[in-house]
């Protein structure tokens, strides 16, 4: 029974029944004629509250009458447009109607709070989504190919020997100017790839900590690098990524609910594609 009560479709059908029952109660159980427009007290109150939120004051009686006139105008135009079939071939309208139904199904799925056990199971099923990235702190000396035509490799080797012999000093200043700077602290792997490219990130991962190495190529040129610290990537604990896991689980539940709702609706239709033979 607990498993059944957590199913998104059960939530959806229960919510639908409540909405229909509430609508019938608000209308007093009566039937509204097709040519009758009823402006309920709840609609008027909603219009007034919307005005209050926008203008930080309640509407005057004249403004309230104007809001009601606009509501009636909207309803008249909407009904006439539907009567004339103007919605049938309008892609924008059809897509918007589809979105509204999807939003209903997704919101019902997200209504239930995920338990701690739900979060643990989701993290265990998708550890790669929440992995703690490798973090590297390093400094580098940059050599531009444009400033070392034909001598880039030799100049890099000579400068590397100097760095190893004389120590760090103001190492980044020994190379060519680099717009992003010469030192990077606790740079995650993803940002490293984004900044320097995959070739540089791969080359950096193989370097030992604490000594000048290189040259390491990038899209900018070559770099002599000293890795100061490296923290290896690992699987996250739930306490570290709880909010991210909850958001991801809620998103996944919404997608599943939307897909299940569509399949349930589809069972009520027979789809025939003209020009295609059965079984083809």
Protein backbone atom coordinates (compact mmCIF):
# COMPACT_ATOMS: atom_id res chain seq x y z
CA UNK A 1 0.00 0.00 0.00
CA UNK A 2 2.83 2.45 0.83
CA UNK A 3 4.42 1.73 -2.55
CA UNK A 4 1.10 2.37 -4.29
CA UNK A 5 0.57 5.66 -2.46
CA UNK A 6 3.96 6.91 -3.70
CA UNK A 7 3.09 6.28 -7.37
CA UNK A 8 2.83 9.60 -9.32
CA UNK A 9 -0.20 8.43 -11.33
CA UNK A 10 -2.14 7.69 -8.15
CA UNK A 11 -1.38 11.23 -6.96
CA UNK A 12 -2.51 12.60 -10.33
CA UNK A 13 -5.85 10.78 -10.39
CA UNK A 14 -6.58 11.70 -6.77
CA UNK A 15 -5.76 15.35 -7.48
CA UNK A 16 -7.96 15.26 -10.58
CA UNK A 17 -10.87 13.88 -8.60
CA UNK A 18 -10.44 16.56 -5.95
CA UNK A 19 -10.36 19.31 -8.58
CA UNK A 20 -13.52 18.07 -10.27
CA UNK A 21 -15.31 17.68 -6.94
CA UNK A 22 -14.24 21.16 -5.83
CA UNK A 23 -15.36 22.65 -9.14
CA UNK A 24 -18.77 21.02 -8.83
CA UNK A 25 -19.14 22.24 -5.25
CA UNK A 26 -18.17 25.81 -6.17
CA UNK A 27 -20.75 25.80 -8.94
CA UNK A 28 -23.39 24.56 -6.53
CA UNK A 29 -23.86 21.34 -8.43
CA UNK A 30 -25.61 23.21 -11.24
CA UNK A 31 -24.95 23.01 -14.95
CA UNK A 32 -23.71 26.09 -16.79
CA UNK A 33 -25.24 26.64 -20.21
CA UNK A 34 -22.81 26.78 -23.16
CA UNK A 35 -23.73 30.42 -23.81
CA UNK A 36 -23.45 31.45 -20.15
CA UNK A 37 -20.35 33.01 -18.59
CA UNK A 38 -20.17 32.78 -14.81
CA UNK A 39 -17.64 34.93 -12.97
CA UNK A 40 -17.25 33.31 -9.58
CA UNK A 41 -16.45 35.02 -6.31
CA UNK A 42 -13.17 33.12 -6.24
CA UNK A 43 -12.19 34.52 -9.66
CA UNK A 44 -12.98 38.07 -8.56
CA UNK A 45 -10.92 37.56 -5.40
CA UNK A 46 -8.05 36.20 -7.46
CA UNK A 47 -8.16 39.22 -9.76
CA UNK A 48 -8.12 41.57 -6.76
CA UNK A 49 -5.18 39.72 -5.17
CA UNK A 50 -3.23 39.89 -8.43
CA UNK A 51 -3.85 43.64 -8.59
CA UNK A 52 -2.72 44.00 -4.97
CA UNK A 53 0.54 42.11 -5.59
CA UNK A 54 1.31 44.25 -8.63
CA UNK A 55 0.36 47.72 -7.36
CA UNK A 56 0.72 47.20 -3.58
CA UNK A 57 -2.87 48.38 -2.98
CA UNK A 58 -6.35 46.95 -3.51
CA UNK A 59 -8.24 47.97 -6.65
CA UNK A 60 -10.84 50.72 -6.55
CA UNK A 61 -14.44 49.70 -7.43
CA UNK A 62 -13.91 51.08 -10.95
CA UNK A 63 -10.63 49.17 -11.36
CA UNK A 64 -12.30 46.02 -10.04
CA UNK A 65 -15.05 46.37 -12.65
CA UNK A 66 -12.38 46.85 -15.31
CA UNK A 67 -10.63 43.63 -14.25
CA UNK A 68 -13.91 41.74 -14.48
CA UNK A 69 -14.64 43.21 -17.93
CA UNK A 70 -11.24 42.04 -19.15
CA UNK A 71 -11.86 38.56 -17.74
CA UNK A 72 -15.21 38.39 -19.56
CA UNK A 73 -13.57 39.70 -22.76
CA UNK A 74 -10.92 36.97 -22.53
CA UNK A 75 -13.55 34.29 -21.99
CA UNK A 76 -15.71 35.48 -24.91
CA UNK A 77 -12.78 35.59 -27.32
CA UNK A 78 -11.47 32.22 -26.12
CA UNK A 79 -14.85 30.53 -26.61
CA UNK A 80 -15.38 32.06 -30.03
CA UNK A 81 -11.87 31.07 -31.13
CA UNK A 82 -12.53 27.49 -30.03
CA UNK A 83 -15.95 27.51 -31.74
CA UNK A 84 -14.30 28.59 -35.00
CA UNK A 85 -11.59 25.95 -34.60
CA UNK A 86 -8.76 28.48 -34.51
CA UNK A 87 -6.86 26.28 -32.07
CA UNK A 88 -6.72 23.23 -34.32
CA UNK A 89 -3.83 24.12 -36.60
CA UNK A 90 -1.94 26.51 -34.34
CA UNK A 91 1.33 24.90 -33.30
CA UNK A 92 1.95 27.43 -30.53
CA UNK A 93 -1.44 26.82 -28.89
CA UNK A 94 -1.15 23.04 -29.19
CA UNK A 95 2.33 23.09 -27.69
CA UNK A 96 1.18 25.31 -24.82
CA UNK A 97 -1.74 22.99 -24.04
CA UNK A 98 0.64 20.04 -24.04
CA UNK A 99 2.99 21.88 -21.67
CA UNK A 100 0.19 22.63 -19.24
CA UNK A 101 -0.79 18.96 -19.02
CA UNK A 102 2.87 17.97 -18.60
CA UNK A 103 3.28 20.56 -15.84
CA UNK A 104 0.28 19.10 -14.00
CA UNK A 105 1.70 15.57 -14.15
CA UNK A 106 5.19 16.73 -13.15
CA UNK A 107 3.95 18.86 -10.25
CA UNK A 108 1.96 15.95 -8.85
CA UNK A 109 5.08 13.76 -9.02
CA UNK A 110 7.14 16.37 -7.19
CA UNK A 111 4.54 16.91 -4.47
CA UNK A 112 5.81 14.05 -2.30
CA UNK A 113 8.91 14.79 -0.23
CA UNK A 114 11.82 12.46 -0.97
CA UNK A 115 12.88 10.47 2.08
CA UNK A 116 16.45 10.01 3.25
CA UNK A 117 16.34 6.44 1.95
CA UNK A 118 15.12 7.68 -1.46
CA UNK A 119 18.09 10.04 -1.63
CA UNK A 120 20.56 7.32 -0.63
CA UNK A 121 19.22 4.94 -3.27
CA UNK A 122 19.36 7.62 -5.96
CA UNK A 123 22.96 8.50 -5.11
CA UNK A 124 23.94 4.82 -5.13
CA UNK A 125 22.29 4.34 -8.53
CA UNK A 126 23.98 7.39 -10.11
CA UNK A 127 27.29 8.04 -8.32
CA UNK A 128 28.87 9.52 -11.45
CA UNK A 129 26.42 12.44 -11.43
CA UNK A 130 27.63 13.62 -8.04
CA UNK A 131 31.31 12.66 -8.06
CA UNK A 132 33.72 15.07 -6.37
CA UNK A 133 36.04 16.34 -9.08
CA UNK A 134 39.83 16.13 -9.00
CA UNK A 135 41.19 19.46 -7.74
CA UNK A 136 44.67 20.75 -8.63
CA UNK A 137 46.71 23.73 -7.46
CA UNK A 138 49.64 24.66 -9.70
CA UNK A 139 51.76 27.42 -11.19
CA UNK A 140 53.06 27.54 -14.73
CA UNK A 141 55.43 29.37 -17.04
CA UNK A 142 53.90 30.02 -20.45
CA UNK A 143 55.75 30.05 -23.76
CA UNK A 144 53.97 31.42 -26.82
CA UNK A 145 54.71 29.83 -30.22
CA UNK A 146 54.46 33.28 -31.82
CA UNK A 147 57.30 34.61 -29.65
CA UNK A 148 59.55 31.60 -30.16
CA UNK A 149 59.34 30.75 -33.87
CA UNK A 150 61.48 27.70 -34.58
CA UNK A 151 62.99 27.68 -31.07
CA UNK A 152 59.98 26.84 -28.88
CA UNK A 153 61.17 23.35 -27.89
CA UNK A 154 64.77 24.45 -27.20
CA UNK A 155 63.70 27.54 -25.26
CA UNK A 156 61.32 25.45 -23.15
CA UNK A 157 64.05 22.94 -22.33
CA UNK A 158 66.50 25.70 -21.39
CA UNK A 159 63.96 27.47 -19.16
CA UNK A 160 63.00 24.18 -17.49
CA UNK A 161 66.63 23.54 -16.59
CA UNK A 162 66.89 27.06 -15.15
CA UNK A 163 63.79 26.60 -13.02
CA UNK A 164 65.03 23.30 -11.63
CA UNK A 165 68.46 24.76 -10.95
CA UNK A 166 67.61 28.18 -9.52
CA UNK A 167 64.29 27.43 -7.81
CA UNK A 168 60.87 29.05 -8.11
CA UNK A 169 61.36 32.76 -7.50
CA UNK A 170 58.95 34.68 -9.68
CA UNK A 171 58.64 31.76 -12.05
CA UNK A 172 55.58 32.89 -14.06
CA UNK A 173 57.37 36.17 -14.88
CA UNK A 174 60.14 34.25 -16.64
CA UNK A 175 57.85 33.24 -19.47
CA UNK A 176 55.59 35.12 -21.85
CA UNK A 177 52.54 37.08 -20.61
CA UNK A 178 49.50 34.90 -19.99
CA UNK A 179 46.15 36.65 -19.68
CA UNK A 180 44.68 34.22 -17.13
CA UNK A 181 47.60 34.45 -14.72
CA UNK A 182 50.39 32.17 -13.60
CA UNK A 183 48.93 30.51 -10.49
CA UNK A 184 45.76 28.51 -10.01
CA UNK A 185 44.46 27.35 -6.64
CA UNK A 186 42.13 24.37 -6.20
CA UNK A 187 41.06 24.28 -9.86
CA UNK A 188 38.48 21.50 -10.48
CA UNK A 189 39.07 19.12 -13.38
CA UNK A 190 36.09 20.45 -15.35
CA UNK A 191 37.34 24.05 -15.11
CA UNK A 192 40.86 22.92 -15.97
CA UNK A 193 39.62 21.32 -19.20
CA UNK A 194 37.48 24.36 -20.00
CA UNK A 195 40.38 26.77 -19.44
CA UNK A 196 43.34 24.92 -20.93
CA UNK A 197 41.87 22.07 -22.97
CA UNK A 198 41.85 18.28 -22.60
CA UNK A 199 45.47 17.81 -23.74
CA UNK A 200 46.76 20.07 -20.97
CA UNK A 201 44.49 18.48 -18.33
CA UNK A 202 45.62 15.01 -19.34
CA UNK A 203 49.28 16.03 -19.27
CA UNK A 204 48.88 17.69 -15.89
CA UNK A 205 47.32 14.56 -14.35
CA UNK A 206 50.53 12.58 -14.94
CA UNK A 207 52.90 15.10 -13.36
CA UNK A 208 54.40 14.52 -9.90
CA UNK A 209 53.73 17.02 -7.13
CA UNK A 210 56.38 19.54 -6.08
CA UNK A 211 58.80 19.79 -9.02
CA UNK A 212 58.93 21.66 -12.31
CA UNK A 213 57.91 19.51 -15.27
CA UNK A 214 57.05 19.93 -18.92
CA UNK A 215 56.57 21.18 -21.42
CA UNK A 216 52.82 20.49 -21.32
CA UNK A 217 50.96 21.55 -24.50
CA UNK A 218 47.69 23.47 -24.60
CA UNK A 219 45.71 25.40 -27.16
CA UNK A 220 47.71 28.49 -26.22
CA UNK A 221 51.20 27.05 -26.60
CA UNK A 222 53.36 25.14 -24.10
CA UNK A 223 53.68 25.38 -20.32
CA UNK A 224 56.27 24.47 -17.73
CA UNK A 225 54.30 23.39 -14.68
CA UNK A 226 54.83 22.80 -10.98
CA UNK A 227 51.92 21.04 -9.30
CA UNK A 228 51.66 22.27 -5.71
CA UNK A 229 48.77 20.06 -4.57
CA UNK A 230 46.35 17.55 -6.03
CA UNK A 231 43.20 16.11 -4.47
CA UNK A 232 41.99 13.02 -6.31
CA UNK A 233 38.36 12.73 -7.38
CA UNK A 234 36.06 10.46 -5.42
CA UNK A 235 32.50 9.38 -4.92
CA UNK A 236 30.55 11.91 -2.86
CA UNK A 237 28.88 11.22 0.47
CA UNK A 238 25.20 12.08 0.69
CA UNK A 239 25.85 14.79 3.29
CA UNK A 240 28.05 16.63 0.77
CA UNK A 241 25.58 16.63 -2.13
CA UNK A 242 22.16 16.17 -0.51
CA UNK A 243 20.56 19.20 -2.20
CA UNK A 244 21.92 18.23 -5.62
CA UNK A 245 20.69 14.65 -5.20
CA UNK A 246 17.23 15.88 -4.16
CA UNK A 247 16.97 18.18 -7.20
CA UNK A 248 18.10 15.42 -9.54
CA UNK A 249 15.68 12.90 -8.05
CA UNK A 250 12.76 15.33 -8.29
CA UNK A 251 13.65 16.04 -11.92
CA UNK A 252 13.80 12.32 -12.69
CA UNK A 253 10.45 11.76 -10.99
CA UNK A 254 8.89 14.53 -13.04
CA UNK A 255 10.14 12.97 -16.26
CA UNK A 256 8.87 9.52 -15.27
CA UNK A 257 5.49 10.91 -14.26
CA UNK A 258 5.14 12.82 -17.51
CA UNK A 259 6.06 9.74 -19.56
CA UNK A 260 3.67 7.50 -17.57
CA UNK A 261 0.85 10.04 -17.87
CA UNK A 262 1.30 10.24 -21.64
CA UNK A 263 1.30 6.44 -22.01
CA UNK A 264 -1.89 6.27 -19.95
CA UNK A 265 -3.53 8.88 -22.18
CA UNK A 266 -2.27 7.19 -25.34
CA UNK A 267 -4.07 3.97 -24.42
CA UNK A 268 -7.32 5.84 -24.99
CA UNK A 269 -6.50 6.51 -28.66
CA UNK A 270 -5.98 4.48 -31.79
CA UNK A 271 -3.17 5.91 -33.92
CA UNK A 272 -3.38 5.32 -37.69
CA UNK A 273 -0.75 6.69 -40.06
CA UNK A 274 -2.08 6.96 -43.59
CA UNK A 275 0.12 5.44 -46.26
CA UNK A 276 1.83 2.94 -43.96
CA UNK A 277 0.89 -0.70 -44.23
CA UNK A 278 0.02 -2.56 -41.03
CA UNK A 279 2.99 -4.41 -39.58
CA UNK A 280 5.54 -2.43 -41.66
